[in-house]
C-alpha cells in the first residue's frame, strides 16, 4: 500500500513581512549611500572654508597681535576694530578704488573678450594659432605679469614711453607714479590679463548657438547687428552671467597684481580692500583690523551672490 504525503502550503505571513521590510531597508541604504557621497564634501567645506571664515569673524572682535601667537591670549575688544576701520579715511578710499577697479576691469574684459569671441567664431586661416597666442596672458602667473608690466610702464626706461617718444607723442607719462594715472594703468593691465578667460568662455557659448537661427534671421532680412542683438545676445545670456560672476569674484579680491605694480601707491591711489587687508595684517600687524576688512570683502561677495541667485531663480520661473 502506498502512502501519499501531502505538503501543506507554506505560510505567506513571513514573506509578506520581509517584503514590507525590504523597501524600507532599501530606502535606508540609499539614504546612507547619498550621505556617504556627500559627507566628504561637507567635511572639506567645514574644515577649509567654514572654520577659517568663523575664525576670521571672531578675530575681528579681538585684540589680536603677534604676541597672541606665542601666548594664545586675544582678549575681546567688542566693536573697537570695526569702528577704527570704518572711521579711517583710507577705508573709504580703498572701498571706492575697489568698486572702480572691479567695474572697469569687468567692463573692459567682457567687451573686448566678446568682440574677440565673435571675431574668432568665423573660419579663416590660422584661427586656432591666433586663439592659442591670445591665451598666453592668462597662463602667465599674475605676479610675473605685474613685474613685466611694471617694467613696460616705467616712466624713464619703460618700453611704452620709449615707443611713444619715438612717435613724437610724448614719452614721459607717469603711468604708475602719478595718483591720477596709477589706478587707470592697473585697470588696463588687469583687463589685458582677463581678456583670454572671457574670450574662451564666450567663444564656447557662441559655438553652441544653432546656425539655423542665423539663417532664419537672414531670411527675415535682419542685418548683422540686428542678428547679434536678437539672436546672439539672448542665446548667450547664461554664459554671460557665468563670465561676469566668476570675473567679479576673482577681480574684487585681487592683491598680487596691485602689489607687483604699485604696492597700493602712489599716495594710496591704488589701495583696494585686498591691499588694505594685507597692509593691516602683515605690514602693521593689526590682525583684528585686517580681519574686519576681509569680512567686508566677504560680505560684498555674498551680497553679489545673493542677487545673482535671485536673478537666476526669477529667470527660471
Protein backbone atom coordinates (compact mmCIF):
# COMPACT_ATOMS: atom_id res chain seq x y z
CA UNK A 1 0.00 0.00 0.00
CA UNK A 2 1.41 3.34 -0.98
CA UNK A 3 1.25 6.28 1.32
CA UNK A 4 0.98 9.73 -0.17
CA UNK A 5 2.26 12.71 1.77
CA UNK A 6 0.50 15.97 1.31
CA UNK A 7 2.70 19.02 1.93
CA UNK A 8 0.91 21.92 3.50
CA UNK A 9 1.29 25.19 1.63
CA UNK A 10 3.85 27.45 3.30
CA UNK A 11 2.54 30.29 5.32
CA UNK A 12 2.89 33.57 3.46
CA UNK A 13 2.96 35.67 6.61
CA UNK A 14 6.76 35.76 6.79
CA UNK A 15 7.28 36.66 3.09
CA UNK A 16 4.81 39.49 3.44
CA UNK A 17 6.71 40.79 6.43
CA UNK A 18 10.03 40.57 4.59
CA UNK A 19 8.53 42.20 1.51
CA UNK A 20 7.30 45.07 3.64
CA UNK A 21 10.69 45.44 5.32
CA UNK A 22 12.76 45.30 2.12
CA UNK A 23 11.61 48.65 0.66
CA UNK A 24 12.27 50.36 3.99
CA UNK A 25 15.73 48.80 4.14
CA UNK A 26 16.42 49.77 0.56
CA UNK A 27 15.41 53.36 1.22
CA UNK A 28 17.66 53.47 4.27
CA UNK A 29 20.58 52.08 2.25
CA UNK A 30 20.01 54.64 -0.50
CA UNK A 31 19.85 57.43 2.05
CA UNK A 32 23.05 56.30 3.73
CA UNK A 33 24.74 55.94 0.35
CA UNK A 34 23.78 59.52 -0.59
CA UNK A 35 25.14 60.86 2.69
CA UNK A 36 28.25 58.76 2.22
CA UNK A 37 28.97 60.53 -1.06
CA UNK A 38 28.09 63.97 0.31
CA UNK A 39 29.90 63.67 3.66
CA UNK A 40 33.49 64.13 2.32
CA UNK A 41 32.49 67.32 0.51
CA UNK A 42 30.66 68.65 3.58
CA UNK A 43 33.63 67.82 5.80
CA UNK A 44 36.01 69.51 3.35
CA UNK A 45 33.85 72.67 3.25
CA UNK A 46 33.59 72.82 7.05
CA UNK A 47 37.32 72.35 7.60
CA UNK A 48 38.75 74.54 4.86
CA UNK A 49 36.01 77.15 4.38
CA UNK A 50 33.72 77.17 7.39
CA UNK A 51 36.36 77.13 10.12
CA UNK A 52 38.59 79.88 8.61
CA UNK A 53 35.51 82.03 8.00
CA UNK A 54 34.34 81.68 11.60
CA UNK A 55 37.85 82.34 12.91
CA UNK A 56 38.09 85.47 10.75
CA UNK A 57 34.81 86.78 12.13
CA UNK A 58 35.88 86.04 15.71
CA UNK A 59 39.28 87.67 15.13
CA UNK A 60 37.62 90.89 14.03
CA UNK A 61 36.29 91.27 17.59
CA UNK A 62 39.62 90.51 19.28
CA UNK A 63 42.79 92.40 20.10
CA UNK A 64 44.94 90.06 18.02
CA UNK A 65 48.65 90.88 17.90
CA UNK A 66 51.89 88.99 17.11
CA UNK A 67 52.15 88.31 20.85
CA UNK A 68 48.95 86.29 20.59
CA UNK A 69 50.75 83.63 18.53
CA UNK A 70 53.03 82.90 21.50
CA UNK A 71 50.71 83.47 24.46
CA UNK A 72 47.42 82.39 22.90
CA UNK A 73 45.72 85.38 24.54
CA UNK A 74 43.49 87.52 22.30
CA UNK A 75 41.07 89.45 24.51
CA UNK A 76 37.76 90.54 23.03
CA UNK A 77 37.51 94.27 22.46
CA UNK A 78 33.95 94.47 21.20
CA UNK A 79 33.44 96.56 18.09
CA UNK A 80 36.65 98.59 18.54
CA UNK A 81 38.28 97.09 15.45
CA UNK A 82 35.20 97.77 13.32
CA UNK A 83 34.82 101.38 14.49
CA UNK A 84 38.53 102.15 13.97
CA UNK A 85 38.45 100.71 10.43
CA UNK A 86 35.24 102.50 9.43
CA UNK A 87 36.49 105.81 10.85
CA UNK A 88 39.72 105.54 8.90
CA UNK A 89 39.60 107.71 5.75
CA UNK A 90 41.76 105.15 3.95
CA UNK A 91 38.99 102.55 4.21
CA UNK A 92 36.58 104.78 2.27
CA UNK A 93 39.19 105.38 -0.43
CA UNK A 94 40.01 101.67 -0.66
CA UNK A 95 36.32 100.78 -0.97
CA UNK A 96 35.84 103.30 -3.79
CA UNK A 97 39.00 102.15 -5.58
CA UNK A 98 37.80 98.52 -5.29
CA UNK A 99 34.46 99.38 -6.91
CA UNK A 100 36.10 101.39 -9.72
CA UNK A 101 38.78 98.75 -10.30
CA UNK A 102 36.24 95.91 -10.38
CA UNK A 103 33.72 97.69 -12.62
CA UNK A 104 36.37 98.97 -15.05
CA UNK A 105 38.10 95.60 -15.27
CA UNK A 106 34.87 93.65 -15.83
CA UNK A 107 33.63 96.09 -18.48
CA UNK A 108 36.90 96.08 -20.43
CA UNK A 109 37.49 92.34 -20.16
CA UNK A 110 33.95 91.45 -21.18
CA UNK A 111 33.63 93.86 -24.12
CA UNK A 112 36.99 93.01 -25.66
CA UNK A 113 36.58 89.31 -24.89
CA UNK A 114 33.14 89.24 -26.56
CA UNK A 115 34.46 91.10 -29.62
CA UNK A 116 37.32 88.61 -29.98
CA UNK A 117 34.98 85.65 -29.46
CA UNK A 118 32.70 86.89 -32.25
CA UNK A 119 35.74 87.52 -34.47
CA UNK A 120 37.17 84.01 -33.96
CA UNK A 121 33.75 82.42 -34.42
CA UNK A 122 34.37 82.69 -38.18
CA UNK A 123 36.57 80.29 -40.13
CA UNK A 124 39.80 81.76 -41.51
CA UNK A 125 43.44 80.66 -41.81
CA UNK A 126 45.48 80.50 -38.58
CA UNK A 127 42.34 80.86 -36.46
CA UNK A 128 43.45 78.23 -33.97
CA UNK A 129 47.01 79.55 -33.79
CA UNK A 130 45.91 83.10 -33.04
CA UNK A 131 43.45 81.91 -30.37
CA UNK A 132 46.25 79.95 -28.73
CA UNK A 133 48.52 83.01 -28.67
CA UNK A 134 45.82 85.13 -27.06
CA UNK A 135 45.64 82.60 -24.21
CA UNK A 136 49.25 83.32 -23.17
CA UNK A 137 48.48 86.25 -20.81
CA UNK A 138 46.06 84.01 -18.94
CA UNK A 139 48.68 81.28 -18.47
CA UNK A 140 51.36 83.59 -17.05
CA UNK A 141 51.28 83.94 -13.21
CA UNK A 142 49.79 87.26 -12.17
CA UNK A 143 52.88 88.32 -10.21
CA UNK A 144 55.06 87.76 -13.28
CA UNK A 145 52.63 89.76 -15.42
CA UNK A 146 52.70 92.57 -12.87
CA UNK A 147 56.51 92.72 -12.81
CA UNK A 148 56.72 92.69 -16.62
CA UNK A 149 54.15 95.45 -16.96
CA UNK A 150 55.90 97.48 -14.27
CA UNK A 151 58.99 97.49 -16.46
CA UNK A 152 56.93 98.32 -19.55
CA UNK A 153 55.17 101.24 -17.84
CA UNK A 154 58.26 102.68 -16.15
CA UNK A 155 58.33 106.43 -16.70
CA UNK A 156 62.02 106.72 -17.56
CA UNK A 157 63.08 103.39 -19.06
CA UNK A 158 59.77 101.74 -19.95
CA UNK A 159 59.15 100.33 -23.42
CA UNK A 160 55.81 102.11 -23.77
CA UNK A 161 57.17 105.60 -23.11
CA UNK A 162 60.16 104.91 -25.35
CA UNK A 163 57.81 103.88 -28.15
CA UNK A 164 55.59 106.95 -27.66
CA UNK A 165 58.66 109.19 -27.64
CA UNK A 166 59.77 107.66 -30.95
CA UNK A 167 56.39 108.53 -32.46
CA UNK A 168 56.62 112.06 -31.10
CA UNK A 169 53.65 111.59 -28.78
CA UNK A 170 55.50 112.39 -25.57
CA UNK A 171 57.40 109.75 -23.73
CA UNK A 172 57.33 110.86 -20.10
CA UNK A 173 53.87 109.76 -18.96
CA UNK A 174 53.94 108.74 -15.25
CA UNK A 175 51.79 105.63 -15.70
CA UNK A 176 52.43 104.17 -12.25
CA UNK A 177 53.84 107.13 -10.32
CA UNK A 178 51.02 109.65 -10.77
CA UNK A 179 47.99 109.41 -8.43
CA UNK A 180 45.76 110.34 -11.36
CA UNK A 181 47.15 107.68 -13.73
CA UNK A 182 48.06 104.76 -11.47
CA UNK A 183 44.59 103.29 -10.95
CA UNK A 184 43.79 103.54 -14.67
CA UNK A 185 47.07 101.80 -15.52
CA UNK A 186 46.35 98.97 -13.07
CA UNK A 187 42.86 98.53 -14.55
CA UNK A 188 44.29 98.35 -18.09
CA UNK A 189 46.83 95.71 -17.06
CA UNK A 190 44.12 93.65 -15.36
CA UNK A 191 41.97 93.93 -18.50
CA UNK A 192 44.88 92.56 -20.53
CA UNK A 193 45.15 89.60 -18.14
CA UNK A 194 41.41 88.83 -18.08
CA UNK A 195 40.61 89.07 -21.81
CA UNK A 196 41.61 85.45 -22.63
CA UNK A 197 39.31 83.96 -19.98
CA UNK A 198 36.33 85.96 -21.22
CA UNK A 199 37.11 85.14 -24.84
CA UNK A 200 37.39 81.38 -24.25
CA UNK A 201 34.14 81.08 -22.27
CA UNK A 202 32.16 83.31 -24.63
CA UNK A 203 33.62 81.55 -27.68
CA UNK A 204 32.40 78.24 -26.28
CA UNK A 205 28.95 79.73 -25.82
CA UNK A 206 28.87 81.00 -29.39
CA UNK A 207 29.71 77.53 -30.67
CA UNK A 208 26.53 76.19 -29.03
CA UNK A 209 24.16 78.61 -30.80
CA UNK A 210 22.34 76.78 -33.64
CA UNK A 211 23.30 78.09 -37.08
CA UNK A 212 19.67 77.75 -38.18
CA UNK A 213 18.76 80.78 -36.07
CA UNK A 214 21.14 82.99 -38.05
CA UNK A 215 19.83 81.56 -41.32
CA UNK A 216 16.25 82.36 -40.26
CA UNK A 217 17.28 85.88 -39.26
CA UNK A 218 18.99 86.35 -42.62
CA UNK A 219 15.86 85.22 -44.47
CA UNK A 220 13.87 87.78 -42.48
CA UNK A 221 16.22 90.48 -43.73
CA UNK A 222 17.99 91.08 -40.41
CA UNK A 223 21.33 92.88 -40.60
CA UNK A 224 24.43 91.54 -38.84
CA UNK A 225 23.93 93.97 -35.94
CA UNK A 226 20.23 93.04 -35.64
CA UNK A 227 21.11 89.33 -35.64
CA UNK A 228 23.69 89.98 -32.94
CA UNK A 229 21.15 91.79 -30.75
CA UNK A 230 18.20 89.47 -31.39
CA UNK A 231 19.94 86.09 -31.62
CA UNK A 232 23.48 86.13 -30.22
CA UNK A 233 22.98 88.11 -27.01
CA UNK A 234 19.76 86.36 -25.86
CA UNK A 235 21.21 82.90 -26.54
CA UNK A 236 24.47 83.87 -24.85
CA UNK A 237 22.84 85.28 -21.72
CA UNK A 238 23.51 82.28 -19.40
CA UNK A 239 27.17 82.22 -20.44
CA UNK A 240 27.45 85.99 -19.95
CA UNK A 241 26.08 85.61 -16.42
CA UNK A 242 28.67 82.97 -15.56
CA UNK A 243 31.51 85.05 -17.01
CA UNK A 244 30.51 88.17 -15.08
CA UNK A 245 30.02 86.31 -11.78
CA UNK A 246 33.35 84.50 -12.00
CA UNK A 247 35.04 87.70 -13.14
CA UNK A 248 33.63 89.64 -10.20
CA UNK A 249 34.68 87.02 -7.66
CA UNK A 250 38.25 86.95 -8.97
CA UNK A 251 38.62 90.72 -9.51
CA UNK A 252 37.17 92.16 -6.30
CA UNK A 253 39.87 90.49 -4.18
CA UNK A 254 42.92 90.96 -6.42
CA UNK A 255 46.06 91.58 -4.38
CA UNK A 256 49.19 90.23 -6.09
CA UNK A 257 48.85 92.27 -9.29
CA UNK A 258 48.47 95.58 -7.43
CA UNK A 259 51.35 94.77 -5.08
CA UNK A 260 53.59 93.96 -8.05
CA UNK A 261 52.65 97.12 -9.95
CA UNK A 262 52.24 99.88 -7.36
CA UNK A 263 52.16 98.33 -3.87
CA UNK A 264 48.99 100.36 -3.26
CA UNK A 265 50.62 103.69 -4.14
CA UNK A 266 51.36 106.35 -5.08
CA UNK A 267 49.72 108.18 -2.16
CA UNK A 268 47.29 105.24 -1.71
CA UNK A 269 45.87 105.89 -5.20
CA UNK A 270 45.61 102.16 -5.92
CA UNK A 271 44.76 100.99 -2.42
CA UNK A 272 41.89 98.49 -2.55
CA UNK A 273 40.20 96.36 0.11
CA UNK A 274 42.50 93.48 -0.79
CA UNK A 275 45.68 95.51 -0.37
CA UNK A 276 44.29 97.18 2.76
CA UNK A 277 43.71 93.76 4.32
CA UNK A 278 47.31 92.83 3.53
CA UNK A 279 48.66 96.13 4.88
CA UNK A 280 46.72 95.94 8.14
CA UNK A 281 47.55 92.29 8.79
CA UNK A 282 51.11 91.82 7.54
CA UNK A 283 52.63 95.31 7.48
CA UNK A 284 51.09 96.98 10.52
CA UNK A 285 50.48 93.58 12.21
CA UNK A 286 46.98 94.65 13.26
CA UNK A 287 45.27 91.35 12.57
CA UNK A 288 41.94 92.45 14.01
CA UNK A 289 41.65 95.36 11.59
CA UNK A 290 42.77 93.13 8.72
CA UNK A 291 40.03 90.64 9.63
CA UNK A 292 37.44 93.43 9.56
CA UNK A 293 38.37 94.47 6.02
CA UNK A 294 38.43 90.81 4.98
CA UNK A 295 34.92 90.35 6.36
CA UNK A 296 33.73 93.38 4.38
CA UNK A 297 35.11 91.75 1.23
CA UNK A 298 33.29 88.52 2.07
CA UNK A 299 30.07 90.46 2.70
CA UNK A 300 30.31 92.23 -0.67
CA UNK A 301 30.81 88.90 -2.44
CA UNK A 302 27.91 87.33 -0.54
CA UNK A 303 25.54 90.18 -1.46
CA UNK A 304 26.55 89.87 -5.11
CA UNK A 305 25.99 86.10 -4.97
CA UNK A 306 22.52 86.54 -3.47
CA UNK A 307 21.48 88.95 -6.22
CA UNK A 308 22.87 86.54 -8.81
CA UNK A 309 20.93 83.58 -7.39
CA UNK A 310 17.73 85.59 -7.15
CA UNK A 311 18.07 86.77 -10.75
CA UNK A 312 18.61 83.19 -11.93
CA UNK A 313 15.61 81.97 -9.97
CA UNK A 314 13.43 84.69 -11.48
CA UNK A 315 14.59 83.79 -14.99
CA UNK A 316 13.92 80.12 -14.31
CA UNK A 317 10.32 80.86 -13.39
